[in-house]
C-alpha atoms as a PDB file:
ATOM      1  CA  MET A   1      82.899 138.299  52.349  1.00  0.00           C
ATOM      2  CA  SER A   2      81.033 135.498  50.176  1.00  0.00           C
ATOM      3  CA  ASP A   3      83.133 132.395  48.305  1.00  0.00           C
ATOM      4  CA  ARG A   4      82.756 131.988  44.694  1.00  0.00           C
ATOM      5  CA  GLY A   5      79.563 129.694  45.010  1.00  0.00           C
ATOM      6  CA  GLY A   6      77.854 132.580  46.896  1.00  0.00           C
ATOM      7  CA  ARG A   7      77.917 130.936  50.018  1.00  0.00           C
ATOM      8  CA  ARG A   8      78.288 133.272  53.442  1.00  0.00           C
ATOM      9  CA  SER A   9      81.365 132.554  55.947  1.00  0.00           C
ATOM     10  CA  ALA A  10      80.280 131.549  59.548  1.00  0.00           C
ATOM     11  CA  ALA A  11      81.236 135.002  60.793  1.00  0.00           C
ATOM     12  CA  GLU A  12      79.116 136.467  57.855  1.00  0.00           C
ATOM     13  CA  SER A  13      75.935 134.224  58.718  1.00  0.00           C
ATOM     14  CA  ALA A  14      76.193 134.911  62.391  1.00  0.00           C
ATOM     15  CA  GLU A  15      76.380 138.925  61.998  1.00  0.00           C
ATOM     16  CA  SER A  16      73.464 138.828  59.623  1.00  0.00           C
ATOM     17  CA  THR A  17      71.197 136.754  62.100  1.00  0.00           C
ATOM     18  CA  PRO A  18      69.175 139.284  64.094  1.00  0.00           C
ATOM     19  CA  ARG A  19      69.931 139.689  67.740  1.00  0.00           C
ATOM     20  CA  TYR A  20      66.728 138.388  69.164  1.00  0.00           C
ATOM     21  CA  LEU A  21      67.659 135.266  67.130  1.00  0.00           C
ATOM     22  CA  GLN A  22      71.239 135.051  68.719  1.00  0.00           C
ATOM     23  CA  ILE A  23      69.739 135.515  72.389  1.00  0.00           C
ATOM     24  CA  LYS A  24      67.376 132.216  71.648  1.00  0.00           C
ATOM     25  CA  GLN A  25      69.793 130.314  70.473  1.00  0.00           C
ATOM     26  CA  ALA A  26      72.385 131.263  73.298  1.00  0.00           C
ATOM     27  CA  VAL A  27      69.057 130.299  75.765  1.00  0.00           C
ATOM     28  CA  LEU A  28      68.472 127.273  73.940  1.00  0.00           C
ATOM     29  CA  GLU A  29      72.118 125.957  74.241  1.00  0.00           C
ATOM     30  CA  GLN A  30      72.159 126.736  77.916  1.00  0.00           C
ATOM     31  CA  ILE A  31      68.873 124.679  78.292  1.00  0.00           C
ATOM     32  CA  ARG A  32      70.205 121.887  75.870  1.00  0.00           C
ATOM     33  CA  SER A  33      73.561 121.512  77.584  1.00  0.00           C
ATOM     34  CA  GLY A  34      71.696 120.897  81.137  1.00  0.00           C
ATOM     35  CA  VAL A  35      73.229 124.228  82.425  1.00  0.00           C
ATOM     36  CA  TRP A  36      69.710 125.424  82.978  1.00  0.00           C
ATOM     37  CA  ARG A  37      67.385 122.591  83.913  1.00  0.00           C
ATOM     38  CA  PRO A  38      63.380 122.301  83.750  1.00  0.00           C
ATOM     39  CA  GLY A  39      62.356 124.585  86.328  1.00  0.00           C
ATOM     40  CA  ASP A  40      65.489 126.628  86.805  1.00  0.00           C
ATOM     41  CA  PRO A  41      65.101 130.037  86.797  1.00  0.00           C
ATOM     42  CA  VAL A  42      65.713 132.060  83.491  1.00  0.00           C
ATOM     43  CA  PRO A  43      67.044 135.968  83.645  1.00  0.00           C
ATOM     44  CA  GLY A  44      64.339 138.644  82.898  1.00  0.00           C
ATOM     45  CA  ASP A  45      64.465 141.033  79.999  1.00  0.00           C
ATOM     46  CA  ALA A  46      66.742 143.674  81.912  1.00  0.00           C
ATOM     47  CA  GLU A  47      69.186 141.109  82.633  1.00  0.00           C
ATOM     48  CA  VAL A  48      69.179 139.576  79.236  1.00  0.00           C
ATOM     49  CA  ALA A  49      69.659 142.807  77.597  1.00  0.00           C
ATOM     50  CA  ARG A  50      72.688 143.866  79.828  1.00  0.00           C
ATOM     51  CA  ARG A  51      74.509 140.466  79.156  1.00  0.00           C
ATOM     52  CA  PHE A  52      74.113 140.734  75.469  1.00  0.00           C
ATOM     53  CA  GLY A  53      74.492 144.597  75.184  1.00  0.00           C
ATOM     54  CA  CYS A  54      71.144 144.986  73.178  1.00  0.00           C
ATOM     55  CA  ALA A  55      67.943 147.099  73.694  1.00  0.00           C
ATOM     56  CA  ARG A  56      65.233 145.875  76.491  1.00  0.00           C
ATOM     57  CA  MET A  57      62.936 145.090  73.486  1.00  0.00           C
ATOM     58  CA  THR A  58      65.135 143.002  71.627  1.00  0.00           C
ATOM     59  CA  ALA A  59      65.749 140.705  74.771  1.00  0.00           C
ATOM     60  CA  HIS A  60      61.782 140.803  75.432  1.00  0.00           C
ATOM     61  CA  ARG A  61      61.020 139.756  71.990  1.00  0.00           C
ATOM     62  CA  ALA A  62      63.621 136.781  72.283  1.00  0.00           C
ATOM     63  CA  LEU A  63      61.836 135.508  75.778  1.00  0.00           C
ATOM     64  CA  ARG A  64      58.589 135.602  74.745  1.00  0.00           C
ATOM     65  CA  GLU A  65      59.060 133.783  71.540  1.00  0.00           C
ATOM     66  CA  LEU A  66      60.717 131.242  73.512  1.00  0.00           C
ATOM     67  CA  ALA A  67      57.557 131.307  75.984  1.00  0.00           C
ATOM     68  CA  ASP A  68      55.175 131.065  72.850  1.00  0.00           C
ATOM     69  CA  GLU A  69      57.396 128.021  71.754  1.00  0.00           C
ATOM     70  CA  GLY A  70      56.868 126.247  75.303  1.00  0.00           C
ATOM     71  CA  VAL A  71      60.647 126.222  76.111  1.00  0.00           C
ATOM     72  CA  ILE A  72      60.374 128.493  78.998  1.00  0.00           C
ATOM     73  CA  GLU A  73      57.514 129.519  81.348  1.00  0.00           C
ATOM     74  CA  ARG A  74      56.968 133.477  82.142  1.00  0.00           C
ATOM     75  CA  ARG A  75      54.718 134.610  84.950  1.00  0.00           C
ATOM     76  CA  ARG A  76      53.815 137.816  86.119  1.00  0.00           C
ATOM     77  CA  ARG A  77      55.914 138.903  89.335  1.00  0.00           C
ATOM     78  CA  ALA A  78      57.455 135.080  89.544  1.00  0.00           C
ATOM     79  CA  GLY A  79      59.625 135.755  86.733  1.00  0.00           C
ATOM     80  CA  SER A  80      60.521 133.408  83.859  1.00  0.00           C
ATOM     81  CA  ARG A  81      62.013 129.498  84.304  1.00  0.00           C
ATOM     82  CA  VAL A  82      62.733 126.591  82.013  1.00  0.00           C
ATOM     83  CA  ALA A  83      59.451 125.040  81.128  1.00  0.00           C
ATOM     84  CA  LEU A  84      58.918 121.810  83.200  1.00  0.00           C
ATOM     85  CA  ARG A  85      58.308 118.441  80.968  1.00  0.00           C
ATOM     86  CA  THR A  86      54.595 118.914  80.509  1.00  0.00           C
ATOM     87  CA  THR A  87      55.890 120.032  76.938  1.00  0.00           C
ATOM     88  CA  ARG A  88      58.346 117.639  75.991  1.00  0.00           C
ATOM     89  CA  SER A  89      61.390 118.742  74.061  1.00  0.00           C
ATOM     90  CA  LEU A  90      63.187 115.400  72.362  1.00  0.00           C
ATOM     91  CA  LEU A  91      65.448 114.365  70.017  1.00  0.00           C
ATOM     92  CA  VAL A  92      63.609 112.439  67.453  1.00  0.00           C
ATOM     93  CA  ASP A  93      64.087 111.243  64.116  1.00  0.00           C
ATOM     94  CA  VAL A  94      62.305 112.535  61.169  1.00  0.00           C
ATOM     95  CA  PRO A  95      60.755 109.779  59.727  1.00  0.00           C
ATOM     96  CA  ARG A  96      58.575 109.362  56.524  1.00  0.00           C
ATOM     97  CA  ILE A  97      55.127 108.711  57.731  1.00  0.00           C
ATOM     98  CA  ASP A  98      54.507 106.322  54.584  1.00  0.00           C
ATOM     99  CA  LEU A  99      57.228 104.099  55.880  1.00  0.00           C
ATOM    100  CA  GLU A 100      56.298 104.434  59.331  1.00  0.00           C
ATOM    101  CA  ILE A 101      52.871 103.038  58.731  1.00  0.00           C
ATOM    102  CA  GLU A 102      53.865 100.452  56.370  1.00  0.00           C
ATOM    103  CA  ALA A 103      56.412  99.123  58.954  1.00  0.00           C
ATOM    104  CA  THR A 104      53.444  98.455  61.465  1.00  0.00           C
ATOM    105  CA  GLY A 105      51.783  95.880  58.605  1.00  0.00           C
ATOM    106  CA  ALA A 106      49.280  98.251  57.610  1.00  0.00           C
ATOM    107  CA  GLU A 107      48.673  99.538  54.223  1.00  0.00           C
ATOM    108  CA  TYR A 108      49.207 103.307  53.694  1.00  0.00           C
ATOM    109  CA  GLY A 109      46.946 105.933  52.612  1.00  0.00           C
ATOM    110  CA  TYR A 110      47.313 109.733  51.877  1.00  0.00           C
ATOM    111  CA  ARG A 111      44.559 112.788  51.379  1.00  0.00           C
ATOM    112  CA  LEU A 112      45.235 116.135  50.658  1.00  0.00           C
ATOM    113  CA  LEU A 113      42.775 118.070  52.385  1.00  0.00           C
ATOM    114  CA  ALA A 114      43.527 121.832  51.798  1.00  0.00           C
ATOM    115  CA  ARG A 115      46.531 123.569  50.398  1.00  0.00           C
ATOM    116  CA  SER A 116      46.710 127.435  50.422  1.00  0.00           C
ATOM    117  CA  LEU A 117      49.267 130.105  49.617  1.00  0.00           C
ATOM    118  CA  GLY A 118      49.959 132.531  52.175  1.00  0.00           C
ATOM    119  CA  ARG A 119      47.598 131.505  54.799  1.00  0.00           C
ATOM    120  CA  THR A 120      49.973 132.017  57.850  1.00  0.00           C
ATOM    121  CA  THR A 121      48.687 132.609  61.465  1.00  0.00           C
ATOM    122  CA  HIS A 122      50.799 134.652  63.951  1.00  0.00           C
ATOM    123  CA  SER A 123      51.905 131.755  65.863  1.00  0.00           C
ATOM    124  CA  ALA A 124      53.122 130.169  62.372  1.00  0.00           C
ATOM    125  CA  ARG A 125      55.068 133.397  61.523  1.00  0.00           C
ATOM    126  CA  ALA A 126      56.757 133.408  64.790  1.00  0.00           C
ATOM    127  CA  ARG A 127      57.842 129.809  64.734  1.00  0.00           C
ATOM    128  CA  LEU A 128      58.841 130.015  60.743  1.00  0.00           C
ATOM    129  CA  ARG A 129      60.926 133.325  61.726  1.00  0.00           C
ATOM    130  CA  LEU A 130      59.193 134.961  59.088  1.00  0.00           C
ATOM    131  CA  GLY A 131      59.723 138.472  58.443  1.00  0.00           C
ATOM    132  CA  PRO A 132      56.580 140.773  57.133  1.00  0.00           C
ATOM    133  CA  ASP A 133      57.258 139.888  53.505  1.00  0.00           C
ATOM    134  CA  GLY A 134      57.702 136.192  54.074  1.00  0.00           C
ATOM    135  CA  ARG A 135      55.764 134.014  51.813  1.00  0.00           C
ATOM    136  CA  THR A 136      54.433 130.613  53.053  1.00  0.00           C
ATOM    137  CA  LEU A 137      52.498 127.605  51.977  1.00  0.00           C
ATOM    138  CA  TRP A 138      49.815 125.730  54.145  1.00  0.00           C
ATOM    139  CA  LEU A 139      48.809 121.964  53.974  1.00  0.00           C
ATOM    140  CA  LEU A 140      46.601 119.884  55.744  1.00  0.00           C
ATOM    141  CA  CYS A 141      46.902 116.621  55.100  1.00  0.00           C
ATOM    142  CA  LEU A 142      45.549 113.191  56.341  1.00  0.00           C
ATOM    143  CA  HIS A 143      47.600 109.723  56.798  1.00  0.00           C
ATOM    144  CA  LEU A 144      45.694 106.736  56.975  1.00  0.00           C
ATOM    145  CA  ALA A 145      46.628 103.224  58.141  1.00  0.00           C
ATOM    146  CA  ASP A 146      44.152 100.406  56.572  1.00  0.00           C
ATOM    147  CA  GLN A 147      42.126 102.958  55.683  1.00  0.00           C
ATOM    148  CA  ARG A 148      41.847 104.491  59.215  1.00  0.00           C
ATOM    149  CA  PRO A 149      42.989 108.091  60.307  1.00  0.00           C
ATOM    150  CA  TYR A 150      46.759 107.966  61.708  1.00  0.00           C
ATOM    151  CA  GLN A 151      47.967 111.389  61.592  1.00  0.00           C
ATOM    152  CA  LEU A 152      46.514 114.706  60.814  1.00  0.00           C
ATOM    153  CA  GLU A 153      49.264 116.637  59.283  1.00  0.00           C
ATOM    154  CA  GLU A 154      48.859 120.700  59.726  1.00  0.00           C
ATOM    155  CA  ARG A 155      52.036 122.258  57.786  1.00  0.00           C
ATOM    156  CA  TRP A 156      53.813 125.730  56.872  1.00  0.00           C
ATOM    157  CA  ILE A 157      56.573 125.714  54.538  1.00  0.00           C
ATOM    158  CA  ASP A 158      58.683 129.041  54.270  1.00  0.00           C
ATOM    159  CA  LEU A 159      58.818 129.202  50.471  1.00  0.00           C
ATOM    160  CA  ALA A 160      61.932 131.283  50.533  1.00  0.00           C
ATOM    161  CA  ALA A 161      63.693 127.973  52.435  1.00  0.00           C
ATOM    162  CA  ALA A 162      61.907 125.611  49.905  1.00  0.00           C
ATOM    163  CA  PRO A 163      60.540 127.568  46.712  1.00  0.00           C
ATOM    164  CA  ALA A 164      60.028 124.665  44.610  1.00  0.00           C
ATOM    165  CA  ALA A 165      57.083 123.743  46.801  1.00  0.00           C
ATOM    166  CA  GLU A 166      55.163 126.386  45.631  1.00  0.00           C
ATOM    167  CA  HIS A 167      54.776 124.437  42.254  1.00  0.00           C
ATOM    168  CA  GLU A 168      53.926 121.229  43.827  1.00  0.00           C
ATOM    169  CA  SER A 169      50.307 120.456  43.942  1.00  0.00           C
ATOM    170  CA  PHE A 170      51.089 117.388  47.126  1.00  0.00           C
ATOM    171  CA  ARG A 171      47.993 115.710  45.688  1.00  0.00           C
ATOM    172  CA  ASP A 172      49.599 112.468  45.291  1.00  0.00           C
ATOM    173  CA  ILE A 173      52.792 113.074  47.500  1.00  0.00           C
ATOM    174  CA  GLY A 174      52.662 114.155  51.138  1.00  0.00           C
ATOM    175  CA  PRO A 175      54.959 116.951  52.202  1.00  0.00           C
ATOM    176  CA  ASN A 176      56.940 115.039  54.488  1.00  0.00           C
ATOM    177  CA  ARG A 177      57.879 112.815  51.714  1.00  0.00           C
ATOM    178  CA  TRP A 178      58.660 115.310  49.544  1.00  0.00           C
ATOM    179  CA  LEU A 179      60.248 117.535  51.840  1.00  0.00           C
ATOM    180  CA  LEU A 180      62.641 114.675  53.023  1.00  0.00           C
ATOM    181  CA  GLU A 181      63.624 114.004  49.249  1.00  0.00           C
ATOM    182  CA  HIS A 182      64.126 117.531  48.261  1.00  0.00           C
ATOM    183  CA  VAL A 183      65.165 119.901  50.878  1.00  0.00           C
ATOM    184  CA  PRO A 184      67.862 118.483  52.880  1.00  0.00           C
ATOM    185  CA  PHE A 185      67.733 119.838  56.466  1.00  0.00           C
ATOM    186  CA  VAL A 186      70.432 119.816  59.519  1.00  0.00           C
ATOM    187  CA  GLY A 187      68.591 119.991  62.328  1.00  0.00           C
ATOM    188  CA  ALA A 188      65.260 119.533  64.055  1.00  0.00           C
ATOM    189  CA  GLU A 189      63.406 120.364  67.233  1.00  0.00           C
ATOM    190  CA  HIS A 190      60.400 118.763  68.548  1.00  0.00           C
ATOM    191  CA  LEU A 191      57.717 119.781  71.167  1.00  0.00           C
ATOM    192  CA  ILE A 192      55.103 116.704  72.115  1.00  0.00           C
ATOM    193  CA  ARG A 193      52.238 117.096  74.279  1.00  0.00           C
ATOM    194  CA  ALA A 194      48.870 115.711  74.955  1.00  0.00           C
ATOM    195  CA  GLU A 195      45.709 117.897  73.705  1.00  0.00           C
ATOM    196  CA  ALA A 196      42.054 117.318  73.456  1.00  0.00           C
ATOM    197  CA  ALA A 197      40.742 117.101  70.158  1.00  0.00           C
ATOM    198  CA  SER A 198      38.896 120.199  68.347  1.00  0.00           C
ATOM    199  CA  ARG A 199      36.181 119.984  66.271  1.00  0.00           C
ATOM    200  CA  ARG A 200      38.273 119.962  63.134  1.00  0.00           C
ATOM    201  CA  ALA A 201      40.762 117.445  64.398  1.00  0.00           C
ATOM    202  CA  ALA A 202      37.938 115.337  65.860  1.00  0.00           C
ATOM    203  CA  ARG A 203      36.181 115.269  62.549  1.00  0.00           C
ATOM    204  CA  HIS A 204      39.350 114.311  60.148  1.00  0.00           C
ATOM    205  CA  LEU A 205      40.647 111.845  62.888  1.00  0.00           C
ATOM    206  CA  GLU A 206      37.361 110.120  63.559  1.00  0.00           C
ATOM    207  CA  VAL A 207      37.462 110.695  67.167  1.00  0.00           C
ATOM    208  CA  GLU A 208      34.930 112.452  69.877  1.00  0.00           C
ATOM    209  CA  PRO A 209      35.774 116.096  70.196  1.00  0.00           C
ATOM    210  CA  GLY A 210      37.682 116.437  73.368  1.00  0.00           C
ATOM    211  CA  ALA A 211      38.959 112.687  72.523  1.00  0.00           C
ATOM    212  CA  PRO A 212      42.911 112.332  73.691  1.00  0.00           C
ATOM    213  CA  LEU A 213      45.593 113.182  71.096  1.00  0.00           C
ATOM    214  CA  LEU A 214      48.867 113.176  71.110  1.00  0.00           C
ATOM    215  CA  VAL A 215      50.483 116.294  69.091  1.00  0.00           C
ATOM    216  CA  LEU A 216      54.267 116.499  68.006  1.00  0.00           C
ATOM    217  CA  GLU A 217      55.140 119.680  66.776  1.00  0.00           C
ATOM    218  CA  ARG A 218      58.369 119.794  64.594  1.00  0.00           C
ATOM    219  CA  ARG A 219      60.465 122.536  63.348  1.00  0.00           C
ATOM    220  CA  THR A 220      63.132 121.521  60.754  1.00  0.00           C
ATOM    221  CA  PHE A 221      66.314 123.726  60.054  1.00  0.00           C
ATOM    222  CA  ARG A 222      68.736 124.589  56.844  1.00  0.00           C
ATOM    223  CA  GLU A 223      71.440 127.244  56.899  1.00  0.00           C
ATOM    224  CA  GLN A 224      69.859 129.016  59.915  1.00  0.00           C
ATOM    225  CA  ARG A 225      66.471 129.058  58.377  1.00  0.00           C
ATOM    226  CA  VAL A 226      63.275 127.408  59.475  1.00  0.00           C
ATOM    227  CA  VAL A 227      62.332 125.337  56.316  1.00  0.00           C
ATOM    228  CA  THR A 228      58.993 124.073  57.916  1.00  0.00           C
ATOM    229  CA  TRP A 229      56.833 124.232  60.706  1.00  0.00           C
ATOM    230  CA  VAL A 230      54.394 121.201  61.206  1.00  0.00           C
ATOM    231  CA  ARG A 231      51.772 120.119  63.777  1.00  0.00           C
ATOM    232  CA  LEU A 232      51.127 116.105  63.892  1.00  0.00           C
ATOM    233  CA  ALA A 233      48.193 114.990  65.648  1.00  0.00           C
ATOM    234  CA  HIS A 234      47.168 111.336  66.502  1.00  0.00           C
ATOM    235  CA  PRO A 235      44.511 109.767  67.992  1.00  0.00           C
ATOM    236  CA  GLY A 236      45.977 108.972  71.366  1.00  0.00           C
ATOM    237  CA  ALA A 237      44.282 105.322  71.606  1.00  0.00           C
ATOM    238  CA  ARG A 238      45.741 104.353  68.461  1.00  0.00           C
ATOM    239  CA  TYR A 239      48.843 105.883  68.045  1.00  0.00           C
ATOM    240  CA  VAL A 240      52.448 104.759  70.093  1.00  0.00           C
ATOM    241  CA  LEU A 241      55.296 107.005  69.825  1.00  0.00           C
ATOM    242  CA  ARG A 242      58.839 105.142  69.620  1.00  0.00           C
ATOM    243  CA  THR A 243      62.056 106.634  70.041  1.00  0.00           C
ATOM    244  CA  ALA A 244      65.654 105.118  69.504  1.00  0.00           C
ATOM    245  CA  SER A 245      69.306 106.433  70.765  1.00  0.00           C
ATOM    246  CA  GLY A 246      71.916 104.881  68.963  1.00  0.00           C
ATOM    247  CA  GLU A 247      71.949 101.971  66.486  1.00  0.00           C
ATOM    248  CA  HIS A 248      70.980  99.564  68.864  1.00  0.00           C
ATOM    249  CA  GLY A 249      69.256 101.976  71.705  1.00  0.00           C
END
């Protein structure tokens, strides 16, 4: 039953969450709490289905998506295990990129390279947890420090979670700043890894194809929905990731 403001109770929200997402969340809790550590085995489809009282296909979908997201590794005959920290999941703040660049003493610059409604890859749909009717906004942006490429941003926004984004041009303000100012989030998940620059990334970041990039992928959540999934690529030779734990960490 909903309250007068139309908000659902926690019990109602849990009941309305698809079963495979409940399984994913339970597995993530085991990993984040340290019960399952990197390299530890993860129960297979049949065992997960038995534990959760669900169909084997439901368990398979949950584990497959966790594998697609780099949380677990699945190997034929060897079973599944928690991913080793070659792809690292960290607690990282969600900074405003313009302020991050200005804090280095550089002048911030921004370019919108492309904007499209409905351009969603299979990978993006999985990470946004979109159903077949889900609508997205896709953006490709470049952030500059002293007129040099600093970050290439490729972002998908779930328009059901942030409907006002459909009417924002993003010509003068980047989606990072706009989302932080207009769509409060309650949680974020990050994956960080090294990649070789593709031809497109190399062209925009002004590096050679195959040059090392530091890539950060981030999802932000609001009321159990994924608001946005973004890939942030940085030239490896010109970028340093800083994190802090606690006020004076």
